Amino acid sequence: MRAMSAALLLVLFISTGSLAVEVKDGDWSFPLEAVKKLKELMDVDGSAVCDNPALPWVFLPLCREEDAAGAFSRLADVAQAQDACEICANPSCYGCLL
């Protein structure tokens, strides 16, 4: 019974851990799912992404930064190769289990 409980906890930990992949750019870090949404918004209207009401709220503080456009561009590059991020092959990504 104890082994089954430990196995269940391990499976639970792995499944929740895979949802917590973060993408880091400088001092900023964002959930991978938010970065994917950012990429979609930039594909539609890259110049006014901060004015888009569909922008995930986690990016709002970054919109006030001087290099927001550069940071958004770098994050979109990571989202372009999201498979590499989901397995943490990209050094900008962390939080997944290998």
C-alpha atoms as a PDB file:
ATOM      1  CA  MET A   1       0.000   0.000   0.000  1.00  0.00           C
ATOM      2  CA  ARG A   2       2.822   2.369   0.869  1.00  0.00           C
ATOM      3  CA  ALA A   3       4.535   1.754  -2.492  1.00  0.00           C
ATOM      4  CA  MET A   4       1.281   2.487  -4.318  1.00  0.00           C
ATOM      5  CA  SER A   5       0.901   5.779  -2.448  1.00  0.00           C
ATOM      6  CA  ALA A   6       4.458   6.751  -3.307  1.00  0.00           C
ATOM      7  CA  ALA A   7       3.897   5.868  -6.972  1.00  0.00           C
ATOM      8  CA  LEU A   8       0.691   7.912  -7.042  1.00  0.00           C
ATOM      9  CA  LEU A   9       2.464  10.919  -5.542  1.00  0.00           C
ATOM     10  CA  LEU A  10       5.279  10.588  -8.087  1.00  0.00           C
ATOM     11  CA  VAL A  11       2.813  10.488 -10.997  1.00  0.00           C
ATOM     12  CA  LEU A  12       0.974  13.496  -9.575  1.00  0.00           C
ATOM     13  CA  PHE A  13       4.241  15.398  -9.139  1.00  0.00           C
ATOM     14  CA  ILE A  14       5.357  14.634 -12.695  1.00  0.00           C
ATOM     15  CA  SER A  15       2.030  15.616 -14.234  1.00  0.00           C
ATOM     16  CA  THR A  16       1.854  18.935 -12.384  1.00  0.00           C
ATOM     17  CA  GLY A  17       5.540  19.613 -12.921  1.00  0.00           C
ATOM     18  CA  SER A  18       5.206  19.368 -16.667  1.00  0.00           C
ATOM     19  CA  LEU A  19       2.604  22.134 -16.582  1.00  0.00           C
ATOM     20  CA  ALA A  20       4.984  24.489 -14.811  1.00  0.00           C
ATOM     21  CA  VAL A  21       7.488  25.069 -17.612  1.00  0.00           C
ATOM     22  CA  GLU A  22       8.748  28.640 -17.473  1.00  0.00           C
ATOM     23  CA  VAL A  23      10.556  30.692 -20.093  1.00  0.00           C
ATOM     24  CA  LYS A  24      13.226  33.062 -18.818  1.00  0.00           C
ATOM     25  CA  ASP A  25      14.439  36.257 -20.492  1.00  0.00           C
ATOM     26  CA  GLY A  26      16.855  38.250 -18.358  1.00  0.00           C
ATOM     27  CA  ASP A  27      15.248  38.796 -14.959  1.00  0.00           C
ATOM     28  CA  TRP A  28      11.792  37.980 -16.293  1.00  0.00           C
ATOM     29  CA  SER A  29      10.166  34.552 -16.387  1.00  0.00           C
ATOM     30  CA  PHE A  30       6.818  33.587 -17.865  1.00  0.00           C
ATOM     31  CA  PRO A  31       4.726  30.406 -18.118  1.00  0.00           C
ATOM     32  CA  LEU A  32       5.227  28.584 -21.405  1.00  0.00           C
ATOM     33  CA  GLU A  33       1.485  28.683 -22.116  1.00  0.00           C
ATOM     34  CA  ALA A  34       1.510  32.495 -21.829  1.00  0.00           C
ATOM     35  CA  VAL A  35       4.516  32.665 -24.175  1.00  0.00           C
ATOM     36  CA  LYS A  36       2.621  30.547 -26.716  1.00  0.00           C
ATOM     37  CA  LYS A  37      -0.313  32.991 -26.510  1.00  0.00           C
ATOM     38  CA  LEU A  38       2.096  35.911 -26.916  1.00  0.00           C
ATOM     39  CA  LYS A  39       3.474  34.296 -30.081  1.00  0.00           C
ATOM     40  CA  GLU A  40      -0.048  33.960 -31.496  1.00  0.00           C
ATOM     41  CA  LEU A  41      -0.766  37.634 -30.772  1.00  0.00           C
ATOM     42  CA  MET A  42       2.518  38.734 -32.321  1.00  0.00           C
ATOM     43  CA  ASP A  43       1.749  36.750 -35.473  1.00  0.00           C
ATOM     44  CA  VAL A  44      -1.477  38.754 -35.836  1.00  0.00           C
ATOM     45  CA  ASP A  45      -0.319  42.211 -34.711  1.00  0.00           C
ATOM     46  CA  GLY A  46       3.274  42.388 -33.548  1.00  0.00           C
ATOM     47  CA  SER A  47       3.525  46.152 -33.211  1.00  0.00           C
ATOM     48  CA  ALA A  48       0.667  46.722 -30.759  1.00  0.00           C
ATOM     49  CA  VAL A  49       0.867  43.604 -28.618  1.00  0.00           C
ATOM     50  CA  CYS A  50       0.805  45.579 -25.353  1.00  0.00           C
ATOM     51  CA  ASP A  51      -2.449  47.256 -26.399  1.00  0.00           C
ATOM     52  CA  ASN A  52      -4.131  43.942 -27.171  1.00  0.00           C
ATOM     53  CA  PRO A  53      -6.708  43.026 -24.489  1.00  0.00           C
ATOM     54  CA  ALA A  54      -5.982  39.332 -25.128  1.00  0.00           C
ATOM     55  CA  LEU A  55      -2.372  39.737 -23.929  1.00  0.00           C
ATOM     56  CA  PRO A  56      -1.831  37.498 -20.882  1.00  0.00           C
ATOM     57  CA  TRP A  57      -1.649  39.645 -17.746  1.00  0.00           C
ATOM     58  CA  VAL A  58       1.811  38.310 -16.841  1.00  0.00           C
ATOM     59  CA  PHE A  59       3.273  40.440 -19.660  1.00  0.00           C
ATOM     60  CA  LEU A  60       1.780  43.770 -18.553  1.00  0.00           C
ATOM     61  CA  PRO A  61       4.751  44.759 -16.343  1.00  0.00           C
ATOM     62  CA  LEU A  62       7.109  43.959 -19.234  1.00  0.00           C
ATOM     63  CA  CYS A  63       5.135  46.339 -21.474  1.00  0.00           C
ATOM     64  CA  ARG A  64       6.403  49.235 -19.337  1.00  0.00           C
ATOM     65  CA  GLU A  65      10.055  48.308 -19.864  1.00  0.00           C
ATOM     66  CA  GLU A  66      12.309  50.042 -22.377  1.00  0.00           C
ATOM     67  CA  ASP A  67      13.312  46.807 -24.145  1.00  0.00           C
ATOM     68  CA  ALA A  68       9.822  45.267 -24.218  1.00  0.00           C
ATOM     69  CA  ALA A  69       9.876  44.801 -27.997  1.00  0.00           C
ATOM     70  CA  GLY A  70      13.219  42.968 -27.831  1.00  0.00           C
ATOM     71  CA  ALA A  71      12.041  40.768 -24.963  1.00  0.00           C
ATOM     72  CA  PHE A  72       8.812  39.923 -26.789  1.00  0.00           C
ATOM     73  CA  SER A  73      10.799  39.049 -29.891  1.00  0.00           C
ATOM     74  CA  ARG A  74      13.111  36.726 -27.928  1.00  0.00           C
ATOM     75  CA  LEU A  75      10.136  35.077 -26.210  1.00  0.00           C
ATOM     76  CA  ALA A  76       8.415  34.568 -29.570  1.00  0.00           C
ATOM     77  CA  ASP A  77      11.582  32.874 -30.839  1.00  0.00           C
ATOM     78  CA  VAL A  78      11.363  30.423 -27.932  1.00  0.00           C
ATOM     79  CA  ALA A  79       7.682  29.790 -28.687  1.00  0.00           C
ATOM     80  CA  GLN A  80       8.609  29.104 -32.317  1.00  0.00           C
ATOM     81  CA  ALA A  81      10.508  26.018 -31.128  1.00  0.00           C
ATOM     82  CA  GLN A  82       8.156  25.158 -28.277  1.00  0.00           C
ATOM     83  CA  ASP A  83       8.837  21.414 -28.486  1.00  0.00           C
ATOM     84  CA  ALA A  84      12.439  22.069 -27.447  1.00  0.00           C
ATOM     85  CA  CYS A  85      11.162  24.147 -24.556  1.00  0.00           C
ATOM     86  CA  GLU A  86       8.694  21.543 -23.369  1.00  0.00           C
ATOM     87  CA  ILE A  87      11.524  19.051 -22.920  1.00  0.00           C
ATOM     88  CA  CYS A  88      13.872  21.748 -21.571  1.00  0.00           C
ATOM     89  CA  ALA A  89      16.296  21.461 -24.478  1.00  0.00           C
ATOM     90  CA  ASN A  90      16.223  25.254 -24.776  1.00  0.00           C
ATOM     91  CA  PRO A  91      18.343  26.969 -22.100  1.00  0.00           C
ATOM     92  CA  SER A  92      15.686  29.693 -21.710  1.00  0.00           C
ATOM     93  CA  CYS A  93      13.230  27.130 -20.365  1.00  0.00           C
ATOM     94  CA  TYR A  94      13.152  25.596 -16.925  1.00  0.00           C
ATOM     95  CA  GLY A  95      10.786  23.849 -14.560  1.00  0.00           C
ATOM     96  CA  CYS A  96      10.185  20.638 -16.437  1.00  0.00           C
ATOM     97  CA  LEU A  97      11.322  17.235 -15.353  1.00  0.00           C
ATOM     98  CA  LEU A  98      13.891  15.424 -17.438  1.00  0.00           C
END
